[in-house]
């Protein structure tokens, strides 16, 4: 006899009907199914978002890198007495 059977017996002793107990089991099973389904949707959404963001990164990162290098070449870089780089236009 498992814990479910013991719980059934206890509920029947305190006056719950078999129909109420079965309805509660169905409700619990339905809630667990919903939670499992939403976890699956969350997992799929996370993988989809990561894939899209990775694709965008690999498409646009080289262009942004080249643009920033081009912009940095416009400046003269000098070091002050504390070895800190100063950008001068």
Protein backbone atom coordinates (compact mmCIF):
# COMPACT_ATOMS: atom_id res chain seq x y z
CA UNK A 1 0.00 0.00 0.00
CA UNK A 2 1.51 3.32 -1.09
CA UNK A 3 1.04 6.85 0.12
CA UNK A 4 -1.75 7.49 -2.42
CA UNK A 5 -3.80 4.58 -1.10
CA UNK A 6 -3.26 5.71 2.47
CA UNK A 7 -4.34 9.23 1.56
CA UNK A 8 -7.45 7.85 -0.19
CA UNK A 9 -8.40 5.87 2.90
CA UNK A 10 -7.84 8.87 5.17
CA UNK A 11 -9.93 11.15 2.93
CA UNK A 12 -12.75 8.60 2.78
CA UNK A 13 -12.66 8.32 6.56
CA UNK A 14 -13.05 12.07 7.03
CA UNK A 15 -16.03 12.18 4.67
CA UNK A 16 -14.74 13.04 1.19
CA UNK A 17 -16.52 11.37 -1.68
CA UNK A 18 -14.77 9.17 -4.22
CA UNK A 19 -15.82 11.58 -6.97
CA UNK A 20 -14.22 14.56 -5.21
CA UNK A 21 -11.01 12.63 -4.69
CA UNK A 22 -10.87 11.57 -8.34
CA UNK A 23 -11.58 15.13 -9.48
CA UNK A 24 -8.71 16.38 -7.35
CA UNK A 25 -6.35 13.78 -8.84
CA UNK A 26 -7.39 14.89 -12.33
CA UNK A 27 -6.78 18.52 -11.37
CA UNK A 28 -3.31 17.70 -10.05
CA UNK A 29 -2.45 15.72 -13.18
CA UNK A 30 -3.67 18.59 -15.37
CA UNK A 31 -1.59 21.13 -13.43
CA UNK A 32 1.52 18.98 -13.75
CA UNK A 33 0.92 18.61 -17.48
CA UNK A 34 0.59 22.42 -17.83
CA UNK A 35 3.80 23.01 -15.87
CA UNK A 36 5.65 20.48 -18.01
CA UNK A 37 4.29 22.03 -21.20
CA UNK A 38 5.31 25.54 -20.15
CA UNK A 39 8.80 24.32 -19.21
CA UNK A 40 9.09 22.83 -22.70
CA UNK A 41 7.91 26.08 -24.31
CA UNK A 42 10.39 28.04 -22.21
CA UNK A 43 13.23 25.73 -23.28
CA UNK A 44 12.27 26.04 -26.97
CA UNK A 45 11.97 29.83 -26.71
CA UNK A 46 15.37 30.09 -25.03
CA UNK A 47 17.06 28.00 -27.74
CA UNK A 48 15.30 29.97 -30.49
CA UNK A 49 16.29 33.34 -29.01
CA UNK A 50 19.90 32.23 -28.52
CA UNK A 51 20.07 31.04 -32.13
CA UNK A 52 18.64 34.28 -33.52
CA UNK A 53 20.93 36.43 -31.38
CA UNK A 54 23.97 34.37 -32.39
CA UNK A 55 23.12 34.74 -36.07
CA UNK A 56 22.68 38.49 -35.68
CA UNK A 57 25.97 38.73 -33.81
CA UNK A 58 27.91 36.87 -36.50
CA UNK A 59 26.32 38.97 -39.25
CA UNK A 60 26.75 42.43 -37.72
CA UNK A 61 29.80 42.12 -35.45
CA UNK A 62 32.41 42.29 -38.24
CA UNK A 63 30.84 45.45 -39.68
CA UNK A 64 30.70 47.12 -36.29
CA UNK A 65 34.28 46.09 -35.55
CA UNK A 66 35.53 47.54 -38.84
CA UNK A 67 33.53 50.73 -38.30
CA UNK A 68 34.98 51.24 -34.82
CA UNK A 69 38.54 50.61 -36.07
CA UNK A 70 37.99 53.14 -38.83
CA UNK A 71 36.74 55.71 -36.30
CA UNK A 72 39.69 55.09 -33.95
CA UNK A 73 42.18 55.70 -36.79
CA UNK A 74 40.95 59.29 -36.97
CA UNK A 75 42.37 60.05 -33.53
CA UNK A 76 45.96 60.60 -32.46
CA UNK A 77 46.77 58.61 -29.37
CA UNK A 78 49.25 59.96 -26.87
CA UNK A 79 50.32 58.74 -23.45
CA UNK A 80 50.42 61.14 -20.53
CA UNK A 81 52.81 60.87 -17.59
CA UNK A 82 50.64 58.19 -15.94
CA UNK A 83 50.69 55.99 -19.06
CA UNK A 84 47.01 56.71 -19.71
CA UNK A 85 45.98 56.88 -23.35
CA UNK A 86 44.51 60.18 -24.50
CA UNK A 87 42.57 60.45 -27.71
CA UNK A 88 43.09 63.72 -29.54
CA UNK A 89 41.31 64.70 -32.70
